[in-house]
Structures are given as C-alpha cells and as structure tokens.
C-alpha cells in the first residue's frame, strides 16, 4: 500500500511538472507571437480609373487574409487626413494602394515617418506624377529623392503579363525564381534613370524575352526594347516600390468587368509578402 502511494505521488508530481512546462511553453509561444506582430495601414482613394479601383478592392480583401496567416495586423483607410504623426505612430508599415497624399501637412507627416524609420510599400499609380495633369510633379522629396523615379514617362497598353527578372538578391526577392511571368499589368517608364542613382537598388526589371510588350493600338504603347525597373528600394529608407497594381478591365467591351487580378499570381504575391515581412520585422534605421 505504501509503495502504491509513493508511485501514485511520483506520477502525480510528474503530471504537475508536465502541466507547468506546457503552460510555460504556451506562454512563451504566445509572447513570441505577440512580439513578432506588426501593424500595416493602407491608404487609398479608389475613385479614378476602374483598373486602380479594382486593384484597391482586391487588395483590401487579400491583405486581411494574408495578415491572419502571417500574424500581422492590416487596416485600411480612404481618409488621407489620417496621415499624421499620432495616427502613424501605431503602425510599422504604410501602404499607398493607388494615389499619394496631396496636402502639405500629410506629405510632411509621411516624410517624417519615413525619416524616423517607418516602413513603406507603394503600388503602381502611387508613384505617378505628370505636370499638366491631376497629379503634377509638385513633391520633389517624394518623387525625386525618395522614389528616385521623377516624373511618369509613358506606359504600355493593353495590360499584359511580362517576364520579370530578379536583378539583386535581397530579402524581398528571397526564394523567387530568377525569372517569372507576372500578372497582367500596365507598365510604367520614368523620366529619371534609376540605374544612375546610388541610393536605389533595383530588385526586379522586365526581361528582354517580354518584348514586344503591350498590344497598342498606339505604336508608342508597345515596347520593343529598353531597360525597365519595376520593383526597387531606396537604401536610405525602409521602403519598396512595386510597379504592379493595375488589373485588366473590359473597357473595350464596355462592361468594365475585371479580367485579371494582381494577387492571383503566386510568385508575385510571394514577393509582396517578403516585402511586408522584411519591413515589419526589421529594426528602425
């Protein structure tokens, strides 16, 4: 009877110890998970050009799912007045899904956010600037210093897939094939030569096998040669610009239905996830 009690006590003590260890491990895992979480805020307008509106709606459905799978928080807002120091202090990454801020106080707040180590991903039209348009080049720090691209030069048309080539090894290009086919997109050319900017590291460019790129109908909307960066980072900031973000739309048929979706391309989406994880988990500069 004594031996039975001793064995019973021994088993009971071991069970208690096992429970304590499991609770401790669970607590450690939860703390580790909470510690690795970061917050993303996406700004958008979604009022002009059905292709950009379609992309914004797609992004605002896609990113919450991606956030849940990868333990970060995704919020979005169309109120650009939220681009202020108090609001931005809650977030590690800012996304511009389609447009850019227009008010001076919004622009100043964003510049300070980036200079203080904030993270940023800009998509497609967020870099657009063209004098004598609704989006003139009137923000030198953003277009010339930060993005390095200057003004919009031209674009391909109709939206088509391109073969993209990895130009430099970087956390953003981790585990990507050397070349891959993108989702259909309207591709931009810029006034400034990014290859001559020492602060810019080009991550992806259009591969020569893509040419001719575009279908027209205008001749200048079809590219036959040239070097076109489509994803890059400015090494002085925690940022990535991604030229993708223009879904194909049935303009010709008059239905305005979405014909292609940016995030359905798995390789391209892996690049965007890489960028989010790199920015969200990296220390402030």
Protein backbone atom coordinates (compact mmCIF):
# COMPACT_ATOMS: atom_id res chain seq x y z
CA UNK A 1 0.00 0.00 0.00
CA UNK A 2 2.88 2.37 0.85
CA UNK A 3 4.67 1.57 -2.39
CA UNK A 4 1.44 2.24 -4.32
CA UNK A 5 1.04 5.64 -2.63
CA UNK A 6 4.64 6.57 -3.36
CA UNK A 7 4.25 5.60 -7.01
CA UNK A 8 0.97 7.48 -7.16
CA UNK A 9 2.58 10.59 -5.67
CA UNK A 10 5.51 10.31 -8.08
CA UNK A 11 3.17 10.08 -11.09
CA UNK A 12 1.11 12.99 -9.72
CA UNK A 13 4.21 15.18 -9.29
CA UNK A 14 5.41 14.35 -12.81
CA UNK A 15 1.98 15.22 -14.19
CA UNK A 16 2.01 18.58 -12.39
CA UNK A 17 5.51 19.29 -13.72
CA UNK A 18 4.42 18.43 -17.25
CA UNK A 19 1.43 20.77 -17.00
CA UNK A 20 3.66 23.58 -15.70
CA UNK A 21 6.12 23.07 -18.53
CA UNK A 22 3.31 23.06 -21.12
CA UNK A 23 1.79 26.25 -19.69
CA UNK A 24 5.21 27.91 -19.65
CA UNK A 25 5.91 26.86 -23.22
CA UNK A 26 2.49 28.06 -24.34
CA UNK A 27 3.05 31.39 -22.63
CA UNK A 28 6.46 31.70 -24.28
CA UNK A 29 4.96 30.88 -27.69
CA UNK A 30 2.21 33.42 -27.23
CA UNK A 31 4.67 36.09 -26.12
CA UNK A 32 6.89 35.31 -29.08
CA UNK A 33 3.90 35.55 -31.43
CA UNK A 34 2.78 38.83 -29.93
CA UNK A 35 6.33 40.18 -30.08
CA UNK A 36 6.64 39.41 -33.82
CA UNK A 37 3.33 41.05 -34.76
CA UNK A 38 3.44 44.32 -36.69
CA UNK A 39 0.73 46.64 -37.97
CA UNK A 40 0.10 47.78 -41.53
CA UNK A 41 -2.06 50.72 -42.61
CA UNK A 42 -3.08 51.10 -46.25
CA UNK A 43 -4.17 54.45 -47.69
CA UNK A 44 -6.25 54.58 -50.85
CA UNK A 45 -8.58 56.79 -52.89
CA UNK A 46 -10.30 54.34 -55.28
CA UNK A 47 -12.17 56.99 -57.25
CA UNK A 48 -10.42 57.26 -60.62
CA UNK A 49 -9.75 54.55 -63.23
CA UNK A 50 -11.64 51.29 -62.83
CA UNK A 51 -8.38 49.32 -63.07
CA UNK A 52 -7.00 51.02 -59.96
CA UNK A 53 -10.34 50.81 -58.14
CA UNK A 54 -10.45 47.08 -58.89
CA UNK A 55 -6.93 46.64 -57.51
CA UNK A 56 -7.78 48.53 -54.29
CA UNK A 57 -10.84 46.36 -53.67
CA UNK A 58 -8.79 43.25 -54.38
CA UNK A 59 -6.03 44.38 -52.01
CA UNK A 60 -8.47 45.11 -49.20
CA UNK A 61 -9.80 41.57 -49.46
CA UNK A 62 -6.43 39.89 -49.95
CA UNK A 63 -4.30 41.57 -47.27
CA UNK A 64 -6.55 40.74 -44.26
CA UNK A 65 -6.29 37.04 -45.17
CA UNK A 66 -2.52 37.33 -45.61
CA UNK A 67 -2.28 39.13 -42.26
CA UNK A 68 -4.18 36.38 -40.45
CA UNK A 69 -1.91 33.72 -41.96
CA UNK A 70 1.30 35.58 -41.08
CA UNK A 71 0.43 37.13 -37.72
CA UNK A 72 0.33 40.82 -38.54
CA UNK A 73 -2.49 43.37 -38.50
CA UNK A 74 -3.88 45.05 -41.62
CA UNK A 75 -6.03 48.17 -41.57
CA UNK A 76 -7.05 50.46 -44.42
CA UNK A 77 -8.44 53.97 -44.75
CA UNK A 78 -9.52 56.35 -47.50
CA UNK A 79 -9.14 59.30 -45.11
CA UNK A 80 -5.79 60.81 -46.04
CA UNK A 81 -6.05 63.20 -43.09
CA UNK A 82 -5.08 60.16 -41.01
CA UNK A 83 -1.62 60.67 -42.44
CA UNK A 84 -0.44 62.42 -39.27
CA UNK A 85 2.15 61.65 -36.60
CA UNK A 86 -0.29 60.46 -33.93
CA UNK A 87 -2.12 58.06 -36.23
CA UNK A 88 1.04 56.75 -37.92
CA UNK A 89 2.71 56.05 -34.56
CA UNK A 90 0.51 52.94 -34.24
CA UNK A 91 1.83 51.36 -37.45
CA UNK A 92 5.14 49.92 -38.65
CA UNK A 93 4.26 49.91 -42.37
CA UNK A 94 2.31 52.32 -44.59
CA UNK A 95 0.94 51.26 -47.97
CA UNK A 96 -0.16 53.59 -50.76
CA UNK A 97 -2.51 51.40 -52.82
CA UNK A 98 -3.27 53.85 -55.62
CA UNK A 99 -2.66 57.56 -55.07
CA UNK A 100 -0.41 59.78 -52.95
CA UNK A 101 -1.17 62.46 -50.31
CA UNK A 102 -1.87 65.93 -51.70
CA UNK A 103 -1.96 68.22 -48.64
CA UNK A 104 1.30 69.69 -47.33
CA UNK A 105 0.68 68.56 -43.73
CA UNK A 106 0.02 64.98 -44.92
CA UNK A 107 3.19 64.98 -47.01
CA UNK A 108 5.27 66.41 -44.17
CA UNK A 109 3.93 63.77 -41.77
CA UNK A 110 4.78 60.97 -44.20
CA UNK A 111 8.29 62.28 -44.81
CA UNK A 112 8.99 62.46 -41.06
CA UNK A 113 7.54 58.97 -40.60
CA UNK A 114 9.93 57.57 -43.21
CA UNK A 115 12.93 59.55 -41.93
CA UNK A 116 12.25 58.14 -38.45
CA UNK A 117 12.41 54.54 -39.65
CA UNK A 118 8.87 53.75 -40.79
CA UNK A 119 8.22 51.15 -43.49
CA UNK A 120 6.53 51.73 -46.86
CA UNK A 121 5.27 49.88 -49.92
CA UNK A 122 3.90 51.91 -52.81
CA UNK A 123 1.95 50.28 -55.63
CA UNK A 124 1.71 51.30 -59.28
CA UNK A 125 -0.09 54.66 -59.53
CA UNK A 126 1.22 55.87 -56.15
CA UNK A 127 4.42 56.98 -57.97
CA UNK A 128 2.61 58.70 -60.83
CA UNK A 129 3.43 62.37 -61.39
CA UNK A 130 2.96 64.34 -64.59
CA UNK A 131 2.82 68.08 -64.97
CA UNK A 132 -0.36 69.48 -66.53
CA UNK A 133 -2.30 66.52 -65.09
CA UNK A 134 -4.38 65.99 -61.94
CA UNK A 135 -1.17 64.70 -60.29
CA UNK A 136 1.60 67.19 -61.13
CA UNK A 137 5.18 66.68 -60.04
CA UNK A 138 4.97 69.09 -57.11
CA UNK A 139 6.61 66.95 -54.40
CA UNK A 140 10.35 66.79 -55.02
CA UNK A 141 11.28 64.83 -51.90
CA UNK A 142 8.84 62.01 -52.70
CA UNK A 143 9.31 61.64 -56.45
CA UNK A 144 12.99 62.58 -56.83
CA UNK A 145 14.69 61.81 -53.52
CA UNK A 146 12.56 59.03 -52.01
CA UNK A 147 11.28 57.10 -55.05
CA UNK A 148 14.04 58.32 -57.35
CA UNK A 149 11.86 57.92 -60.42
CA UNK A 150 10.96 61.52 -61.16
CA UNK A 151 8.01 62.04 -63.49
CA UNK A 152 5.95 59.46 -65.33
CA UNK A 153 7.29 58.98 -68.85
CA UNK A 154 4.96 56.58 -70.66
CA UNK A 155 3.22 53.22 -70.30
CA UNK A 156 2.44 50.05 -72.18
CA UNK A 157 -1.09 49.26 -73.25
CA UNK A 158 -3.14 46.98 -73.16
CA UNK A 159 -2.34 45.46 -69.70
CA UNK A 160 -0.27 42.35 -70.34
CA UNK A 161 1.89 39.91 -68.45
CA UNK A 162 5.65 40.41 -68.56
CA UNK A 163 8.59 38.16 -67.77
CA UNK A 164 10.27 39.74 -64.75
CA UNK A 165 13.92 39.17 -63.84
CA UNK A 166 15.49 39.29 -60.37
CA UNK A 167 18.29 41.87 -60.51
CA UNK A 168 19.67 41.69 -56.95
CA UNK A 169 19.47 39.23 -54.08
CA UNK A 170 17.55 40.84 -51.25
CA UNK A 171 15.06 39.73 -48.53
CA UNK A 172 12.30 40.93 -50.88
CA UNK A 173 13.44 38.56 -53.66
CA UNK A 174 14.12 35.61 -51.33
CA UNK A 175 13.07 32.24 -52.81
CA UNK A 176 11.92 33.77 -56.07
CA UNK A 177 12.95 32.17 -59.37
CA UNK A 178 15.44 34.11 -61.48
CA UNK A 179 12.64 34.92 -63.94
CA UNK A 180 8.87 34.54 -63.72
CA UNK A 181 5.74 35.69 -65.51
CA UNK A 182 3.79 38.46 -63.79
CA UNK A 183 0.08 39.15 -63.57
CA UNK A 184 -1.18 41.39 -66.38
CA UNK A 185 -0.23 45.00 -65.70
CA UNK A 186 0.16 48.43 -67.23
CA UNK A 187 3.94 49.02 -67.11
CA UNK A 188 5.42 52.46 -66.44
CA UNK A 189 8.53 54.18 -67.73
CA UNK A 190 10.08 57.06 -65.74
CA UNK A 191 11.92 60.28 -66.54
CA UNK A 192 14.87 59.53 -64.22
CA UNK A 193 17.41 56.74 -64.80
CA UNK A 194 17.27 54.62 -61.65
CA UNK A 195 20.48 52.81 -62.61
CA UNK A 196 22.45 56.03 -62.10
CA UNK A 197 21.08 56.69 -58.61
CA UNK A 198 23.47 55.25 -55.95
CA UNK A 199 20.67 55.15 -53.37
CA UNK A 200 18.44 52.91 -55.48
CA UNK A 201 18.73 49.12 -55.53
CA UNK A 202 16.73 47.63 -58.39
CA UNK A 203 15.16 44.31 -57.38
CA UNK A 204 13.14 43.35 -60.48
CA UNK A 205 13.24 44.51 -64.09
CA UNK A 206 11.44 43.49 -67.26
CA UNK A 207 13.29 40.69 -69.02
CA UNK A 208 14.12 41.07 -72.71
CA UNK A 209 12.07 37.98 -73.53
CA UNK A 210 8.95 40.06 -72.79
CA UNK A 211 9.35 42.19 -75.92
CA UNK A 212 7.28 43.26 -77.69
CA UNK A 213 5.36 44.25 -74.56
CA UNK A 214 1.86 45.66 -74.95
CA UNK A 215 -0.63 45.41 -77.79
CA UNK A 216 -1.44 49.02 -78.59
CA UNK A 217 -3.42 50.24 -80.52
CA UNK A 218 -0.96 53.16 -80.42
CA UNK A 219 2.58 52.35 -81.54
CA UNK A 220 4.24 54.05 -78.55
CA UNK A 221 2.21 51.81 -76.20
CA UNK A 222 4.20 48.79 -77.38
CA UNK A 223 7.75 48.48 -76.07
CA UNK A 224 10.30 46.68 -78.24
CA UNK A 225 13.49 47.24 -76.25
CA UNK A 226 14.95 49.03 -73.25
CA UNK A 227 15.63 48.59 -69.55
CA UNK A 228 12.62 48.99 -67.27
CA UNK A 229 12.90 48.55 -63.46
CA UNK A 230 9.60 47.54 -61.88
CA UNK A 231 10.48 46.87 -58.21
CA UNK A 232 13.15 48.73 -56.26
CA UNK A 233 14.16 50.01 -52.85
CA UNK A 234 15.85 53.20 -51.69
CA UNK A 235 18.68 52.05 -49.40
CA UNK A 236 18.35 55.15 -47.20
CA UNK A 237 14.81 54.17 -46.18
CA UNK A 238 12.76 51.10 -45.30
CA UNK A 239 10.76 51.09 -48.50
CA UNK A 240 9.79 49.18 -51.62
CA UNK A 241 8.08 50.44 -54.76
CA UNK A 242 6.12 47.89 -56.80
CA UNK A 243 5.00 48.86 -60.31
CA UNK A 244 2.26 46.22 -60.25
CA UNK A 245 -1.26 47.23 -59.22
CA UNK A 246 -3.32 47.71 -62.39
CA UNK A 247 -5.88 44.99 -63.10
CA UNK A 248 -7.01 44.35 -66.66
CA UNK A 249 -10.51 45.73 -67.25
CA UNK A 250 -13.01 45.14 -70.05
CA UNK A 251 -13.04 48.68 -71.36
CA UNK A 252 -13.35 47.58 -74.99
CA UNK A 253 -16.47 45.51 -74.31
CA UNK A 254 -17.99 48.27 -72.25
CA UNK A 255 -18.71 46.07 -69.21
CA UNK A 256 -15.86 47.43 -67.01
CA UNK A 257 -15.53 43.96 -65.52
CA UNK A 258 -12.21 42.87 -64.01
CA UNK A 259 -10.42 40.48 -66.38
CA UNK A 260 -7.30 39.82 -64.27
CA UNK A 261 -6.32 40.01 -60.61
CA UNK A 262 -2.90 41.09 -59.35
CA UNK A 263 -2.75 38.83 -56.30
CA UNK A 264 -3.71 35.66 -58.17
CA UNK A 265 -0.07 35.44 -59.29
CA UNK A 266 1.59 33.34 -56.57
CA UNK A 267 5.21 34.27 -57.29
CA UNK A 268 4.44 37.96 -57.45
CA UNK A 269 2.40 37.70 -54.23
CA UNK A 270 5.34 35.96 -52.53
CA UNK A 271 7.47 38.99 -53.35
CA UNK A 272 4.92 41.29 -51.69
CA UNK A 273 4.73 39.05 -48.62
CA UNK A 274 8.54 39.04 -48.48
CA UNK A 275 8.49 42.83 -48.55
CA UNK A 276 5.94 43.05 -45.74
CA UNK A 277 7.85 40.61 -43.52
CA UNK A 278 11.16 42.35 -44.22
CA UNK A 279 9.78 45.77 -43.37
CA UNK A 280 7.65 44.62 -40.45
CA UNK A 281 10.34 42.62 -38.70
CA UNK A 282 13.38 44.81 -39.38
CA UNK A 283 14.73 47.29 -36.86
CA UNK A 284 14.43 51.02 -37.37
CA UNK A 285 17.27 52.56 -39.33
